[in-house]
Amino acid sequence: MSPSYEKNLRRLTKIAAETGLRLNPDEARAQKVVGLMAENYHAVGEWICPCKQQHKPAQKGMDKACPCPEWLDEIAKDGHCFCRLFFAQA
């Protein structure tokens, strides 16, 4: 795993813990989202959300960074964010 991947995983794990959430227990799904986000960070210097990315390739300041502004509302409504990366505690 790349240094960007490891850094992002630590960052997201910390965010989940601080907000009382958990990362997706489906490790393959979590690894894919974390990995794509790390690739975006490596390319443009922002943790661009791959699931809400509007530009290919990602564009700094133009695509939503993770966590996005609506993530907590999505979790409150659906039990998880749009990307299925963050989940409410079971």
Protein backbone atom coordinates (compact mmCIF):
# COMPACT_ATOMS: atom_id res chain seq x y z
CA MET A 1 0.00 0.00 0.00
CA SER A 2 1.23 3.47 -0.85
CA PRO A 3 2.17 6.09 1.74
CA SER A 4 -0.82 8.18 0.55
CA TYR A 5 -3.13 5.20 1.13
CA GLU A 6 -1.78 4.63 4.64
CA LYS A 7 -2.00 8.34 5.49
CA ASN A 8 -5.58 8.49 4.21
CA LEU A 9 -6.64 5.37 6.08
CA ARG A 10 -5.27 6.82 9.34
CA ARG A 11 -7.05 10.12 8.63
CA LEU A 12 -10.39 8.47 7.87
CA THR A 13 -10.15 6.11 10.85
CA LYS A 14 -9.54 9.13 13.10
CA ILE A 15 -12.51 11.00 11.61
CA ALA A 16 -14.74 7.97 12.16
CA ALA A 17 -13.63 7.62 15.78
CA GLU A 18 -14.06 11.34 16.50
CA THR A 19 -17.61 11.36 15.11
CA GLY A 20 -18.78 8.06 16.62
CA LEU A 21 -18.93 6.35 13.23
CA ARG A 22 -17.20 3.33 11.74
CA LEU A 23 -15.63 2.56 8.41
CA ASN A 24 -17.36 0.10 6.12
CA PRO A 25 -16.82 -3.45 7.45
CA ASP A 26 -16.63 -4.65 3.81
CA GLU A 27 -12.85 -4.35 3.56
CA ALA A 28 -12.79 -4.61 -0.25
CA ARG A 29 -15.20 -1.68 -0.60
CA ALA A 30 -13.35 0.43 1.97
CA GLN A 31 -9.98 -0.32 0.36
CA LYS A 32 -11.26 0.67 -3.07
CA VAL A 33 -12.66 4.04 -1.92
CA VAL A 34 -9.64 4.82 0.29
CA GLY A 35 -7.28 3.83 -2.53
CA LEU A 36 -9.00 5.94 -5.20
CA MET A 37 -9.05 8.89 -2.81
CA ALA A 38 -5.31 8.40 -2.16
CA GLU A 39 -4.67 8.40 -5.91
CA ASN A 40 -6.53 11.71 -6.18
CA TYR A 41 -4.49 13.12 -3.30
CA HIS A 42 -1.28 12.05 -4.97
CA ALA A 43 -2.42 13.68 -8.23
CA VAL A 44 -3.91 16.98 -6.98
CA GLY A 45 -3.11 17.32 -3.26
CA GLU A 46 -6.71 16.99 -2.03
CA TRP A 47 -8.61 14.01 -0.66
CA ILE A 48 -11.13 14.10 -3.52
CA CYS A 49 -14.07 11.77 -3.00
CA PRO A 50 -14.02 9.29 -5.92
CA CYS A 51 -17.75 8.63 -5.64
CA LYS A 52 -18.71 12.28 -6.05
CA GLN A 53 -15.88 13.24 -8.39
CA GLN A 54 -17.22 15.34 -11.27
CA HIS A 55 -14.01 15.77 -13.27
CA LYS A 56 -11.78 13.08 -14.73
CA PRO A 57 -9.02 13.44 -13.72
CA ALA A 58 -9.81 15.09 -10.39
CA GLN A 59 -9.49 18.85 -10.27
CA LYS A 60 -8.28 20.63 -7.16
CA GLY A 61 -10.91 22.99 -5.80
CA MET A 62 -13.49 21.71 -8.29
CA ASP A 63 -14.37 18.29 -6.87
CA LYS A 64 -15.67 17.45 -3.40
CA ALA A 65 -13.15 16.45 -0.79
CA CYS A 66 -13.90 13.76 1.80
CA PRO A 67 -15.68 14.10 4.05
CA CYS A 68 -18.07 16.02 1.81
CA PRO A 69 -20.43 18.68 3.17
CA GLU A 70 -23.45 16.35 3.11
CA TRP A 71 -21.92 13.19 4.60
CA LEU A 72 -23.47 13.53 8.08
CA ASP A 73 -26.94 14.17 6.62
CA GLU A 74 -26.57 11.08 4.41
CA ILE A 75 -25.54 8.96 7.42
CA ALA A 76 -28.46 10.27 9.49
CA LYS A 77 -30.88 9.42 6.67
CA ASP A 78 -29.43 6.17 5.29
CA GLY A 79 -27.12 4.84 8.01
CA HIS A 80 -24.10 5.40 5.74
CA CYS A 81 -22.65 8.06 3.47
CA PHE A 82 -23.20 7.97 -0.30
CA CYS A 83 -19.83 6.25 -0.84
CA ARG A 84 -20.57 3.64 1.80
CA LEU A 85 -17.30 4.47 3.47
CA PHE A 86 -18.65 5.81 6.78
CA PHE A 87 -21.42 3.98 8.66
CA ALA A 88 -23.38 4.71 11.80
CA GLN A 89 -22.44 2.45 14.69
CA ALA A 90 -24.50 -0.74 14.74
